[in-house]
Amino acid sequence: MNTMLRNSVLTIAGLTVAGGLAAGPLHHTDTTPTNPITAAIQADNPDTNTLIPHGVQGTQSRIHLNDEQIDNAKAIIAATKKADMDERAAVIAIGTAFQESKLENLGHLGARNDHDSQGLFQQRPSSGWGTVEQITNPEYSTLAFLKGLKQVDGWQDMPLTVAAQTVQVSAFPDHYAQWEQQAADLVAEHWNN
């Protein structure tokens, strides 16, 4: 009886050790970067509380971006830095451009055009945003948008859709909110590049 009990205990202990190894260290992935440069870059990336201080509002949309759209997002980030504004301003600008043009630098769309709206932010020469050449330049159009954003008292404390609408005066003021997460993801990925 003692031999049988001892063998059972050893079998159970062996299964426990084997199960612990299989469930533990064998399947553990260490996400800590081993490269100090990678660790420093990750530590410097803007955090979610900086990018989305109010949390996202409503259902979020997401689209696949081509190289041109990513380049336009990077141009918005660069212009935001040039304007000496922070990551949150870049999220608002990119979220606005998502809604207005899906981050495509649109020229005149003929019969489908909304009046004379063009560029990433669908700005209108007739409304004083600049010439066609200016508003279809990503840096210029972003700086123009950010100049308008700076004039909004308390924009830093507003939800994206309120800040964007105050500058853009859209017929669909709540539509900006749906792009906040993807805009924040782009800023997190490209702010330090």
C-alpha atoms as a PDB file:
ATOM      1  CA  MET A   1       0.000   0.000   0.000  1.00  0.00           C
ATOM      2  CA  ASN A   2       2.828   2.424   0.832  1.00  0.00           C
ATOM      3  CA  THR A   3       4.530   1.740  -2.531  1.00  0.00           C
ATOM      4  CA  MET A   4       1.262   2.307  -4.378  1.00  0.00           C
ATOM      5  CA  LEU A   5       0.554   5.524  -2.441  1.00  0.00           C
ATOM      6  CA  ARG A   6       4.134   6.722  -2.972  1.00  0.00           C
ATOM      7  CA  ASN A   7       3.933   6.038  -6.746  1.00  0.00           C
ATOM      8  CA  SER A   8       0.592   7.894  -6.949  1.00  0.00           C
ATOM      9  CA  VAL A   9       1.996  10.910  -5.101  1.00  0.00           C
ATOM     10  CA  LEU A  10       5.095  10.922  -7.320  1.00  0.00           C
ATOM     11  CA  THR A  11       2.941  10.623 -10.456  1.00  0.00           C
ATOM     12  CA  ILE A  12       0.735  13.512  -9.333  1.00  0.00           C
ATOM     13  CA  ALA A  13       3.796  15.582  -8.401  1.00  0.00           C
ATOM     14  CA  GLY A  14       5.376  14.825 -11.771  1.00  0.00           C
ATOM     15  CA  LEU A  15       2.219  15.843 -13.612  1.00  0.00           C
ATOM     16  CA  THR A  16       2.030  19.022 -11.547  1.00  0.00           C
ATOM     17  CA  VAL A  17       5.632  19.951 -12.363  1.00  0.00           C
ATOM     18  CA  ALA A  18       5.170  19.102 -16.050  1.00  0.00           C
ATOM     19  CA  GLY A  19       1.870  21.003 -16.148  1.00  0.00           C
ATOM     20  CA  GLY A  20       3.459  23.965 -14.391  1.00  0.00           C
ATOM     21  CA  LEU A  21       6.293  24.069 -16.878  1.00  0.00           C
ATOM     22  CA  ALA A  22       3.920  23.800 -19.812  1.00  0.00           C
ATOM     23  CA  ALA A  23       1.583  26.458 -18.474  1.00  0.00           C
ATOM     24  CA  GLY A  24       4.327  28.646 -17.102  1.00  0.00           C
ATOM     25  CA  PRO A  25       7.788  29.227 -18.492  1.00  0.00           C
ATOM     26  CA  LEU A  26       7.293  27.346 -21.748  1.00  0.00           C
ATOM     27  CA  HIS A  27       4.502  29.699 -22.804  1.00  0.00           C
ATOM     28  CA  HIS A  28       5.756  32.862 -21.151  1.00  0.00           C
ATOM     29  CA  THR A  29       6.737  35.665 -23.500  1.00  0.00           C
ATOM     30  CA  ASP A  30       8.767  38.472 -22.100  1.00  0.00           C
ATOM     31  CA  THR A  31       7.646  41.740 -23.679  1.00  0.00           C
ATOM     32  CA  THR A  32      10.413  43.740 -22.056  1.00  0.00           C
ATOM     33  CA  PRO A  33      12.625  45.111 -24.817  1.00  0.00           C
ATOM     34  CA  THR A  34      16.185  43.825 -24.600  1.00  0.00           C
ATOM     35  CA  ASN A  35      17.549  46.622 -26.740  1.00  0.00           C
ATOM     36  CA  PRO A  36      17.989  49.786 -24.613  1.00  0.00           C
ATOM     37  CA  ILE A  37      17.288  52.012 -27.633  1.00  0.00           C
ATOM     38  CA  THR A  38      13.940  50.245 -28.240  1.00  0.00           C
ATOM     39  CA  ALA A  39      13.123  50.544 -24.541  1.00  0.00           C
ATOM     40  CA  ALA A  40      13.871  54.280 -24.599  1.00  0.00           C
ATOM     41  CA  ILE A  41      11.711  54.833 -27.696  1.00  0.00           C
ATOM     42  CA  GLN A  42       8.796  52.925 -26.153  1.00  0.00           C
ATOM     43  CA  ALA A  43       9.196  54.891 -22.922  1.00  0.00           C
ATOM     44  CA  ASP A  44       9.085  58.170 -24.878  1.00  0.00           C
ATOM     45  CA  ASN A  45       5.931  57.328 -26.863  1.00  0.00           C
ATOM     46  CA  PRO A  46       2.934  59.420 -25.843  1.00  0.00           C
ATOM     47  CA  ASP A  47       0.600  57.541 -23.514  1.00  0.00           C
ATOM     48  CA  THR A  48      -3.125  57.062 -23.943  1.00  0.00           C
ATOM     49  CA  ASN A  49      -4.015  59.632 -21.266  1.00  0.00           C
ATOM     50  CA  THR A  50      -2.106  62.277 -23.212  1.00  0.00           C
ATOM     51  CA  LEU A  51      -3.548  61.300 -26.584  1.00  0.00           C
ATOM     52  CA  ILE A  52      -7.148  60.584 -25.528  1.00  0.00           C
ATOM     53  CA  PRO A  53      -7.691  62.332 -22.187  1.00  0.00           C
ATOM     54  CA  HIS A  54     -11.484  62.000 -22.373  1.00  0.00           C
ATOM     55  CA  GLY A  55     -11.573  58.457 -23.724  1.00  0.00           C
ATOM     56  CA  VAL A  56     -13.055  57.763 -27.120  1.00  0.00           C
ATOM     57  CA  GLN A  57     -16.643  58.761 -27.735  1.00  0.00           C
ATOM     58  CA  GLY A  58     -19.005  56.435 -29.530  1.00  0.00           C
ATOM     59  CA  THR A  59     -18.276  53.694 -32.003  1.00  0.00           C
ATOM     60  CA  GLN A  60     -14.856  53.946 -33.584  1.00  0.00           C
ATOM     61  CA  SER A  61     -14.148  53.546 -37.291  1.00  0.00           C
ATOM     62  CA  ARG A  62     -10.900  52.263 -38.739  1.00  0.00           C
ATOM     63  CA  ILE A  63      -9.650  52.075 -42.295  1.00  0.00           C
ATOM     64  CA  HIS A  64      -6.584  50.518 -43.895  1.00  0.00           C
ATOM     65  CA  LEU A  65      -4.108  53.234 -44.845  1.00  0.00           C
ATOM     66  CA  ASN A  66      -1.937  53.318 -47.932  1.00  0.00           C
ATOM     67  CA  ASP A  67       1.525  54.918 -48.030  1.00  0.00           C
ATOM     68  CA  GLU A  68       0.168  58.302 -49.124  1.00  0.00           C
ATOM     69  CA  GLN A  69      -2.279  58.442 -46.222  1.00  0.00           C
ATOM     70  CA  ILE A  70       0.448  57.503 -43.731  1.00  0.00           C
ATOM     71  CA  ASP A  71       2.715  60.162 -45.233  1.00  0.00           C
ATOM     72  CA  ASN A  72      -0.091  62.704 -44.810  1.00  0.00           C
ATOM     73  CA  ALA A  73      -0.484  61.697 -41.151  1.00  0.00           C
ATOM     74  CA  LYS A  74       3.276  62.140 -40.691  1.00  0.00           C
ATOM     75  CA  ALA A  75       3.051  65.556 -42.372  1.00  0.00           C
ATOM     76  CA  ILE A  76       0.301  66.563 -39.933  1.00  0.00           C
ATOM     77  CA  ILE A  77       2.480  65.447 -37.012  1.00  0.00           C
ATOM     78  CA  ALA A  78       5.483  67.380 -38.363  1.00  0.00           C
ATOM     79  CA  ALA A  79       3.376  70.522 -38.860  1.00  0.00           C
ATOM     80  CA  THR A  80       1.978  70.159 -35.324  1.00  0.00           C
ATOM     81  CA  LYS A  81       5.514  70.095 -33.956  1.00  0.00           C
ATOM     82  CA  LYS A  82       6.424  73.081 -36.151  1.00  0.00           C
ATOM     83  CA  ALA A  83       3.465  74.960 -34.644  1.00  0.00           C
ATOM     84  CA  ASP A  84       4.876  74.079 -31.203  1.00  0.00           C
ATOM     85  CA  MET A  85       1.747  72.184 -30.267  1.00  0.00           C
ATOM     86  CA  ASP A  86       1.494  68.870 -28.452  1.00  0.00           C
ATOM     87  CA  GLU A  87       0.467  65.325 -29.236  1.00  0.00           C
ATOM     88  CA  ARG A  88      -3.177  65.983 -28.379  1.00  0.00           C
ATOM     89  CA  ALA A  89      -3.314  68.700 -31.052  1.00  0.00           C
ATOM     90  CA  ALA A  90      -1.936  66.153 -33.548  1.00  0.00           C
ATOM     91  CA  VAL A  91      -4.669  63.663 -32.589  1.00  0.00           C
ATOM     92  CA  ILE A  92      -7.333  66.334 -33.122  1.00  0.00           C
ATOM     93  CA  ALA A  93      -5.826  67.359 -36.462  1.00  0.00           C
ATOM     94  CA  ILE A  94      -5.476  63.797 -37.754  1.00  0.00           C
ATOM     95  CA  GLY A  95      -8.962  62.852 -36.531  1.00  0.00           C
ATOM     96  CA  THR A  96     -10.327  65.889 -38.348  1.00  0.00           C
ATOM     97  CA  ALA A  97      -8.478  65.000 -41.556  1.00  0.00           C
ATOM     98  CA  PHE A  98      -9.776  61.432 -41.295  1.00  0.00           C
ATOM     99  CA  GLN A  99     -13.346  62.693 -41.292  1.00  0.00           C
ATOM    100  CA  GLU A 100     -12.829  65.351 -43.934  1.00  0.00           C
ATOM    101  CA  SER A 101     -10.744  63.406 -46.477  1.00  0.00           C
ATOM    102  CA  LYS A 102      -9.749  59.991 -45.065  1.00  0.00           C
ATOM    103  CA  LEU A 103      -6.233  61.501 -44.982  1.00  0.00           C
ATOM    104  CA  GLU A 104      -6.224  61.944 -48.757  1.00  0.00           C
ATOM    105  CA  ASN A 105      -5.048  65.268 -50.130  1.00  0.00           C
ATOM    106  CA  LEU A 106      -8.096  65.835 -52.309  1.00  0.00           C
ATOM    107  CA  GLY A 107      -8.199  68.219 -55.230  1.00  0.00           C
ATOM    108  CA  HIS A 108     -11.423  69.534 -56.721  1.00  0.00           C
ATOM    109  CA  LEU A 109     -13.914  66.678 -57.063  1.00  0.00           C
ATOM    110  CA  GLY A 110     -16.115  68.222 -59.731  1.00  0.00           C
ATOM    111  CA  ALA A 111     -19.836  67.654 -59.169  1.00  0.00           C
ATOM    112  CA  ARG A 112     -19.068  65.661 -55.985  1.00  0.00           C
ATOM    113  CA  ASN A 113     -17.221  68.615 -54.447  1.00  0.00           C
ATOM    114  CA  ASP A 114     -18.670  70.406 -51.442  1.00  0.00           C
ATOM    115  CA  HIS A 115     -18.492  73.927 -52.851  1.00  0.00           C
ATOM    116  CA  ASP A 116     -14.756  74.595 -53.293  1.00  0.00           C
ATOM    117  CA  SER A 117     -13.466  72.372 -50.445  1.00  0.00           C
ATOM    118  CA  GLN A 118     -10.070  70.775 -51.021  1.00  0.00           C
ATOM    119  CA  GLY A 119      -7.080  69.216 -49.305  1.00  0.00           C
ATOM    120  CA  LEU A 120      -6.750  67.096 -46.177  1.00  0.00           C
ATOM    121  CA  PHE A 121      -9.070  69.308 -44.136  1.00  0.00           C
ATOM    122  CA  GLN A 122     -11.485  70.184 -46.952  1.00  0.00           C
ATOM    123  CA  GLN A 123     -10.740  73.862 -46.472  1.00  0.00           C
ATOM    124  CA  ARG A 124     -12.302  76.388 -48.824  1.00  0.00           C
ATOM    125  CA  PRO A 125     -10.486  79.215 -50.590  1.00  0.00           C
ATOM    126  CA  SER A 126     -13.769  81.135 -50.632  1.00  0.00           C
ATOM    127  CA  SER A 127     -13.850  80.971 -46.816  1.00  0.00           C
ATOM    128  CA  GLY A 128     -10.382  82.455 -46.462  1.00  0.00           C
ATOM    129  CA  TRP A 129      -8.360  79.311 -45.739  1.00  0.00           C
ATOM    130  CA  GLY A 130      -5.861  80.125 -48.503  1.00  0.00           C
ATOM    131  CA  THR A 131      -5.372  79.509 -52.201  1.00  0.00           C
ATOM    132  CA  VAL A 132      -5.959  76.114 -53.788  1.00  0.00           C
ATOM    133  CA  GLU A 133      -2.204  75.604 -53.940  1.00  0.00           C
ATOM    134  CA  GLN A 134      -1.889  76.428 -50.240  1.00  0.00           C
ATOM    135  CA  ILE A 135      -4.729  74.300 -48.903  1.00  0.00           C
ATOM    136  CA  THR A 136      -3.615  71.295 -50.927  1.00  0.00           C
ATOM    137  CA  ASN A 137      -0.191  71.533 -49.278  1.00  0.00           C
ATOM    138  CA  PRO A 138      -0.351  69.252 -46.188  1.00  0.00           C
ATOM    139  CA  GLU A 139       1.924  71.440 -44.069  1.00  0.00           C
ATOM    140  CA  TYR A 140       0.109  74.664 -44.931  1.00  0.00           C
ATOM    141  CA  SER A 141      -3.369  73.194 -44.428  1.00  0.00           C
ATOM    142  CA  THR A 142      -2.383  71.654 -41.095  1.00  0.00           C
ATOM    143  CA  LEU A 143      -0.861  74.913 -39.860  1.00  0.00           C
ATOM    144  CA  ALA A 144      -4.043  76.739 -40.936  1.00  0.00           C
ATOM    145  CA  PHE A 145      -6.181  74.218 -39.042  1.00  0.00           C
ATOM    146  CA  LEU A 146      -3.962  74.465 -35.961  1.00  0.00           C
ATOM    147  CA  LYS A 147      -4.076  78.271 -36.087  1.00  0.00           C
ATOM    148  CA  GLY A 148      -7.852  77.968 -35.875  1.00  0.00           C
ATOM    149  CA  LEU A 149      -7.571  75.409 -33.065  1.00  0.00           C
ATOM    150  CA  LYS A 150      -5.300  77.713 -31.032  1.00  0.00           C
ATOM    151  CA  GLN A 151      -8.046  80.344 -31.158  1.00  0.00           C
ATOM    152  CA  VAL A 152     -10.524  77.991 -29.464  1.00  0.00           C
ATOM    153  CA  ASP A 153     -10.487  78.689 -25.725  1.00  0.00           C
ATOM    154  CA  GLY A 154      -9.960  75.471 -23.806  1.00  0.00           C
ATOM    155  CA  TRP A 155      -9.459  73.213 -26.838  1.00  0.00           C
ATOM    156  CA  GLN A 156      -7.033  71.114 -24.760  1.00  0.00           C
ATOM    157  CA  ASP A 157      -9.874  70.132 -22.439  1.00  0.00           C
ATOM    158  CA  MET A 158     -12.475  69.457 -25.143  1.00  0.00           C
ATOM    159  CA  PRO A 159     -13.431  66.129 -26.656  1.00  0.00           C
ATOM    160  CA  LEU A 160     -11.983  65.799 -30.167  1.00  0.00           C
ATOM    161  CA  THR A 161     -15.325  66.202 -31.903  1.00  0.00           C
ATOM    162  CA  VAL A 162     -16.069  69.492 -30.095  1.00  0.00           C
ATOM    163  CA  ALA A 163     -12.627  70.962 -30.808  1.00  0.00           C
ATOM    164  CA  ALA A 164     -12.725  69.869 -34.458  1.00  0.00           C
ATOM    165  CA  GLN A 165     -16.258  71.146 -34.988  1.00  0.00           C
ATOM    166  CA  THR A 166     -15.436  74.512 -33.464  1.00  0.00           C
ATOM    167  CA  VAL A 167     -12.726  75.005 -36.096  1.00  0.00           C
ATOM    168  CA  GLN A 168     -14.374  73.271 -39.064  1.00  0.00           C
ATOM    169  CA  VAL A 169     -18.070  74.161 -38.605  1.00  0.00           C
ATOM    170  CA  SER A 170     -19.218  70.948 -40.280  1.00  0.00           C
ATOM    171  CA  ALA A 171     -22.761  69.968 -41.173  1.00  0.00           C
ATOM    172  CA  PHE A 172     -21.978  66.673 -39.365  1.00  0.00           C
ATOM    173  CA  PRO A 173     -20.381  67.799 -36.088  1.00  0.00           C
ATOM    174  CA  ASP A 174     -20.431  64.436 -34.304  1.00  0.00           C
ATOM    175  CA  HIS A 175     -18.678  62.482 -37.060  1.00  0.00           C
ATOM    176  CA  TYR A 176     -15.172  63.502 -35.996  1.00  0.00           C
ATOM    177  CA  ALA A 177     -15.332  61.391 -32.824  1.00  0.00           C
ATOM    178  CA  GLN A 178     -15.276  58.080 -34.699  1.00  0.00           C
ATOM    179  CA  TRP A 179     -11.635  58.584 -35.782  1.00  0.00           C
ATOM    180  CA  GLU A 180     -10.086  59.368 -32.411  1.00  0.00           C
ATOM    181  CA  GLN A 181      -8.603  55.933 -31.695  1.00  0.00           C
ATOM    182  CA  GLN A 182      -6.983  55.505 -35.108  1.00  0.00           C
ATOM    183  CA  ALA A 183      -5.694  59.088 -34.970  1.00  0.00           C
ATOM    184  CA  ALA A 184      -4.210  58.434 -31.514  1.00  0.00           C
ATOM    185  CA  ASP A 185      -2.631  55.203 -32.750  1.00  0.00           C
ATOM    186  CA  LEU A 186      -0.931  57.081 -35.601  1.00  0.00           C
ATOM    187  CA  VAL A 187       0.377  59.786 -33.282  1.00  0.00           C
ATOM    188  CA  ALA A 188       1.675  57.172 -30.817  1.00  0.00           C
ATOM    189  CA  GLU A 189       3.436  55.349 -33.635  1.00  0.00           C
ATOM    190  CA  HIS A 190       4.924  58.328 -35.477  1.00  0.00           C
ATOM    191  CA  TRP A 191       5.365  61.174 -32.950  1.00  0.00           C
ATOM    192  CA  ASN A 192       8.974  60.248 -32.161  1.00  0.00           C
ATOM    193  CA  ASN A 193      10.001  59.231 -35.694  1.00  0.00           C
END
